[in-house]
Structure formats: structure tokens, C-alpha cells
């Protein structure tokens, strides 16, 4: 183990940031899954519910990109996949 204080601090900060980022990543993943399930069950769900789920998913993805958890292109790709899934039912 290293003895330099700056390296010890960087390790602690890295672990803390990793834990925070993991919470955001799993949250976005869960919201995307929920949105995709809502889109798949579109016969049983109203269009307003689908739009609400899509809006929440877009918002969470944008927040994650803004906080630096996802690269901007990664966030755009996730939103495009949701839009493409929505397009299949329309």
C-alpha cells in the first residue's frame, strides 16, 4: 500500500465517486427497463403513461450526462433506442 497522502486521498475520492456514479447508472438502467416494458405492454397501457415514462427516462439520462456519469453520445444513444422502441408501436 502506498504511503503518499495525495494518492491515499485520490483512492478515497475515486471510491466515493464510483459509488455515487453506480447509483445513477443503476437508476437509469432501471428506468429504461421500466419504460421499455411499458412500451411493450402498449396494448394495456394508455399513451399518456408511455409518454410519462419516456419523459422520466429522458430526464434521468440527461441528468446523468450533465453530472458526467455518461458521455454525451452514450446518453444520446440511450434516448435514441427508447425513441426507436416507441416508434415500433406507433
N, C-alpha and C. Protein backbone atom coordinates (compact mmCIF):
# COMPACT_ATOMS: atom_id res chain seq x y z
N UNK A 1 0.84 -1.18 0.00
CA UNK A 1 0.00 0.00 0.00
C UNK A 1 0.89 1.24 0.00
N UNK A 2 0.45 2.23 -0.69
CA UNK A 2 1.23 3.46 -0.80
C UNK A 2 1.20 4.27 0.50
N UNK A 3 2.19 5.11 0.65
CA UNK A 3 2.28 5.94 1.85
C UNK A 3 2.01 7.41 1.55
N UNK A 4 1.95 7.78 0.27
CA UNK A 4 1.74 9.18 -0.08
C UNK A 4 0.31 9.59 0.24
N UNK A 5 0.18 10.73 0.91
CA UNK A 5 -1.14 11.19 1.31
C UNK A 5 -2.00 11.55 0.12
N UNK A 6 -1.40 12.11 -0.91
CA UNK A 6 -2.19 12.52 -2.06
C UNK A 6 -2.77 11.31 -2.79
N UNK A 7 -2.02 10.23 -2.85
CA UNK A 7 -2.51 9.02 -3.51
C UNK A 7 -3.61 8.38 -2.68
N UNK A 8 -3.44 8.37 -1.37
CA UNK A 8 -4.47 7.82 -0.49
C UNK A 8 -5.77 8.60 -0.65
N UNK A 9 -5.64 9.94 -0.72
CA UNK A 9 -6.83 10.77 -0.89
C UNK A 9 -7.50 10.50 -2.24
N UNK A 10 -6.71 10.37 -3.30
CA UNK A 10 -7.28 10.12 -4.63
C UNK A 10 -8.03 8.78 -4.65
N UNK A 11 -7.50 7.79 -3.95
CA UNK A 11 -8.17 6.48 -3.88
C UNK A 11 -9.51 6.62 -3.17
N UNK A 12 -9.53 7.37 -2.05
CA UNK A 12 -10.78 7.57 -1.32
C UNK A 12 -11.80 8.33 -2.16
N UNK A 13 -11.36 9.37 -2.85
CA UNK A 13 -12.26 10.17 -3.69
C UNK A 13 -12.78 9.32 -4.84
N UNK A 14 -11.91 8.50 -5.42
CA UNK A 14 -12.31 7.64 -6.53
C UNK A 14 -13.37 6.64 -6.10
N UNK A 15 -13.19 6.04 -4.93
CA UNK A 15 -14.18 5.09 -4.43
C UNK A 15 -15.52 5.77 -4.16
N UNK A 16 -15.46 6.97 -3.58
CA UNK A 16 -16.69 7.71 -3.30
C UNK A 16 -17.43 8.07 -4.59
N UNK A 17 -16.69 8.56 -5.59
CA UNK A 17 -17.31 8.93 -6.86
C UNK A 17 -17.85 7.70 -7.58
N UNK A 18 -17.12 6.59 -7.48
CA UNK A 18 -17.56 5.36 -8.12
C UNK A 18 -18.89 4.89 -7.53
N UNK A 19 -19.01 4.98 -6.21
CA UNK A 19 -20.25 4.58 -5.55
C UNK A 19 -21.41 5.47 -5.98
N UNK A 20 -21.16 6.78 -6.05
CA UNK A 20 -22.21 7.72 -6.46
C UNK A 20 -22.62 7.47 -7.91
N UNK A 21 -21.63 7.26 -8.78
CA UNK A 21 -21.94 7.03 -10.20
C UNK A 21 -22.71 5.72 -10.38
N UNK A 22 -22.39 4.72 -9.57
CA UNK A 22 -23.07 3.44 -9.68
C UNK A 22 -24.56 3.58 -9.37
N UNK A 23 -24.88 4.42 -8.39
CA UNK A 23 -26.29 4.66 -8.05
C UNK A 23 -27.02 5.27 -9.24
N UNK A 24 -26.41 6.28 -9.88
CA UNK A 24 -27.05 6.91 -11.04
C UNK A 24 -27.19 5.92 -12.20
N UNK A 25 -26.12 5.15 -12.46
CA UNK A 25 -26.16 4.20 -13.58
C UNK A 25 -27.25 3.16 -13.40
N UNK A 26 -27.35 2.59 -12.20
CA UNK A 26 -28.38 1.58 -11.98
C UNK A 26 -29.77 2.20 -12.01
N UNK A 27 -29.89 3.43 -11.53
CA UNK A 27 -31.19 4.11 -11.59
C UNK A 27 -31.64 4.33 -13.02
N UNK A 28 -30.72 4.78 -13.85
CA UNK A 28 -31.06 5.00 -15.27
C UNK A 28 -31.40 3.67 -15.93
N UNK A 29 -30.63 2.63 -15.62
CA UNK A 29 -30.89 1.32 -16.20
C UNK A 29 -32.29 0.82 -15.82
N UNK A 30 -32.66 0.98 -14.56
CA UNK A 30 -33.97 0.53 -14.11
C UNK A 30 -35.09 1.32 -14.76
N UNK A 31 -34.90 2.62 -14.91
CA UNK A 31 -35.93 3.45 -15.54
C UNK A 31 -36.08 3.08 -17.01
N UNK A 32 -34.98 2.81 -17.69
CA UNK A 32 -35.05 2.41 -19.10
C UNK A 32 -35.79 1.09 -19.23
N UNK A 33 -35.49 0.13 -18.35
CA UNK A 33 -36.20 -1.15 -18.40
C UNK A 33 -37.69 -0.96 -18.18
N UNK A 34 -38.04 -0.13 -17.21
CA UNK A 34 -39.45 0.13 -16.92
C UNK A 34 -40.14 0.78 -18.11
N UNK A 35 -39.45 1.70 -18.76
CA UNK A 35 -40.01 2.37 -19.93
C UNK A 35 -40.19 1.38 -21.08
N UNK A 36 -39.21 0.52 -21.30
CA UNK A 36 -39.33 -0.47 -22.38
C UNK A 36 -40.45 -1.46 -22.12
N UNK A 37 -40.64 -1.86 -20.86
CA UNK A 37 -41.75 -2.75 -20.52
C UNK A 37 -43.09 -2.07 -20.75
N UNK A 38 -43.17 -0.79 -20.43
CA UNK A 38 -44.39 -0.04 -20.67
C UNK A 38 -44.69 0.04 -22.17
N UNK A 39 -43.64 0.25 -22.96
CA UNK A 39 -43.82 0.31 -24.42
C UNK A 39 -44.25 -1.05 -24.96
N UNK A 40 -43.66 -2.14 -24.45
CA UNK A 40 -44.04 -3.48 -24.91
C UNK A 40 -45.48 -3.80 -24.57
N UNK A 41 -45.94 -3.35 -23.41
CA UNK A 41 -47.33 -3.60 -23.00
C UNK A 41 -48.23 -2.44 -23.41
N UNK A 42 -47.98 -1.90 -24.57
CA UNK A 42 -48.72 -0.70 -25.01
C UNK A 42 -50.20 -0.99 -25.23
N UNK A 43 -50.55 -2.25 -25.43
CA UNK A 43 -51.97 -2.58 -25.63
C UNK A 43 -52.76 -2.37 -24.34
N UNK A 44 -52.10 -2.56 -23.20
CA UNK A 44 -52.77 -2.45 -21.91
C UNK A 44 -52.56 -1.10 -21.24
N UNK A 45 -51.71 -0.26 -21.81
CA UNK A 45 -51.33 1.00 -21.17
C UNK A 45 -51.70 2.16 -22.08
N UNK A 46 -52.13 3.26 -21.47
CA UNK A 46 -52.51 4.43 -22.27
C UNK A 46 -51.26 5.14 -22.80
N UNK A 47 -51.48 5.92 -23.83
CA UNK A 47 -50.37 6.65 -24.47
C UNK A 47 -49.77 7.68 -23.51
N UNK A 48 -50.59 8.27 -22.66
CA UNK A 48 -50.08 9.27 -21.73
C UNK A 48 -49.12 8.64 -20.71
N UNK A 49 -49.41 7.38 -20.30
CA UNK A 49 -48.50 6.69 -19.39
C UNK A 49 -47.15 6.41 -20.07
N UNK A 50 -47.21 6.04 -21.32
CA UNK A 50 -45.97 5.79 -22.07
C UNK A 50 -45.16 7.07 -22.20
N UNK A 51 -45.85 8.17 -22.52
CA UNK A 51 -45.16 9.45 -22.66
C UNK A 51 -44.56 9.90 -21.33
N UNK A 52 -45.26 9.64 -20.24
CA UNK A 52 -44.74 10.00 -18.92
C UNK A 52 -43.48 9.20 -18.61
N UNK A 53 -43.50 7.89 -18.86
CA UNK A 53 -42.32 7.06 -18.62
C UNK A 53 -41.15 7.50 -19.49
N UNK A 54 -41.45 7.83 -20.74
CA UNK A 54 -40.40 8.28 -21.66
C UNK A 54 -39.80 9.60 -21.20
N UNK A 55 -40.64 10.49 -20.72
CA UNK A 55 -40.18 11.78 -20.22
C UNK A 55 -39.27 11.61 -19.01
N UNK A 56 -39.66 10.73 -18.09
CA UNK A 56 -38.84 10.47 -16.91
C UNK A 56 -37.50 9.87 -17.31
N UNK A 57 -37.53 8.94 -18.26
CA UNK A 57 -36.28 8.31 -18.71
C UNK A 57 -35.36 9.33 -19.36
N UNK A 58 -35.90 10.17 -20.23
CA UNK A 58 -35.09 11.20 -20.88
C UNK A 58 -34.48 12.14 -19.85
N UNK A 59 -35.28 12.52 -18.86
CA UNK A 59 -34.81 13.43 -17.83
C UNK A 59 -33.65 12.82 -17.03
N UNK A 60 -33.80 11.56 -16.64
CA UNK A 60 -32.74 10.90 -15.86
C UNK A 60 -31.47 10.73 -16.69
N UNK A 61 -31.62 10.40 -17.96
CA UNK A 61 -30.45 10.25 -18.83
C UNK A 61 -29.74 11.59 -18.97
N UNK A 62 -30.51 12.67 -19.17
CA UNK A 62 -29.90 13.99 -19.31
C UNK A 62 -29.18 14.41 -18.04
N UNK A 63 -29.76 14.09 -16.88
CA UNK A 63 -29.11 14.43 -15.61
C UNK A 63 -27.81 13.66 -15.45
N UNK A 64 -27.81 12.40 -15.84
CA UNK A 64 -26.59 11.60 -15.73
C UNK A 64 -25.50 12.13 -16.67
N UNK A 65 -25.89 12.57 -17.85
CA UNK A 65 -24.92 13.16 -18.78
C UNK A 65 -24.39 14.46 -18.21
N UNK A 66 -25.27 15.25 -17.64
CA UNK A 66 -24.86 16.54 -17.08
C UNK A 66 -23.89 16.36 -15.92
N UNK A 67 -24.07 15.32 -15.12
CA UNK A 67 -23.20 15.07 -13.99
C UNK A 67 -21.91 14.36 -14.40
N UNK A 68 -21.80 13.96 -15.67
CA UNK A 68 -20.58 13.34 -16.15
C UNK A 68 -20.53 11.84 -15.95
N UNK A 69 -21.67 11.24 -15.66
CA UNK A 69 -21.70 9.80 -15.44
C UNK A 69 -21.72 9.06 -16.77
N UNK A 70 -22.43 9.62 -17.75
CA UNK A 70 -22.43 9.09 -19.11
C UNK A 70 -21.81 10.13 -20.03
N UNK A 71 -21.14 9.64 -21.06
CA UNK A 71 -20.69 10.52 -22.13
C UNK A 71 -21.91 11.01 -22.89
N UNK A 72 -21.81 12.17 -23.49
CA UNK A 72 -22.96 12.77 -24.16
C UNK A 72 -23.48 11.87 -25.29
N UNK A 73 -22.57 11.19 -25.99
CA UNK A 73 -23.00 10.30 -27.07
C UNK A 73 -23.69 9.05 -26.51
N UNK A 74 -23.25 8.58 -25.36
CA UNK A 74 -23.86 7.43 -24.71
C UNK A 74 -25.30 7.78 -24.32
N UNK A 75 -25.49 8.97 -23.75
CA UNK A 75 -26.83 9.41 -23.40
C UNK A 75 -27.72 9.55 -24.62
N UNK A 76 -27.18 10.09 -25.69
CA UNK A 76 -27.94 10.25 -26.92
C UNK A 76 -28.32 8.89 -27.50
N UNK A 77 -27.42 7.93 -27.40
CA UNK A 77 -27.70 6.59 -27.91
C UNK A 77 -28.81 5.93 -27.11
N UNK A 78 -28.79 6.09 -25.80
CA UNK A 78 -29.84 5.52 -24.96
C UNK A 78 -31.20 6.13 -25.29
N UNK A 79 -31.24 7.43 -25.49
CA UNK A 79 -32.51 8.10 -25.82
C UNK A 79 -33.00 7.70 -27.21
N UNK A 80 -32.07 7.52 -28.13
CA UNK A 80 -32.44 7.12 -29.49
C UNK A 80 -33.02 5.71 -29.50
N UNK A 81 -32.48 4.82 -28.67
CA UNK A 81 -33.01 3.46 -28.60
C UNK A 81 -34.42 3.45 -28.02
N UNK A 82 -34.66 4.31 -27.04
CA UNK A 82 -36.01 4.42 -26.50
C UNK A 82 -36.98 4.96 -27.55
N UNK A 83 -36.54 5.97 -28.29
CA UNK A 83 -37.39 6.55 -29.33
C UNK A 83 -37.68 5.53 -30.42
N UNK A 84 -36.67 4.72 -30.76
CA UNK A 84 -36.86 3.70 -31.79
C UNK A 84 -37.85 2.63 -31.31
N UNK A 85 -37.77 2.27 -30.02
CA UNK A 85 -38.71 1.30 -29.48
C UNK A 85 -40.14 1.86 -29.50
N UNK A 86 -40.27 3.15 -29.19
CA UNK A 86 -41.58 3.80 -29.21
C UNK A 86 -42.13 3.86 -30.63
N UNK A 87 -41.25 4.06 -31.59
CA UNK A 87 -41.67 4.18 -32.99
C UNK A 87 -42.28 2.86 -33.51
N UNK A 88 -41.83 1.74 -32.95
CA UNK A 88 -42.33 0.46 -33.44
C UNK A 88 -43.81 0.25 -33.11
N UNK A 89 -44.30 0.88 -32.03
CA UNK A 89 -45.70 0.70 -31.67
C UNK A 89 -46.60 1.75 -32.29
N UNK A 90 -46.01 2.85 -32.78
CA UNK A 90 -46.82 3.96 -33.31
C UNK A 90 -47.33 3.69 -34.70
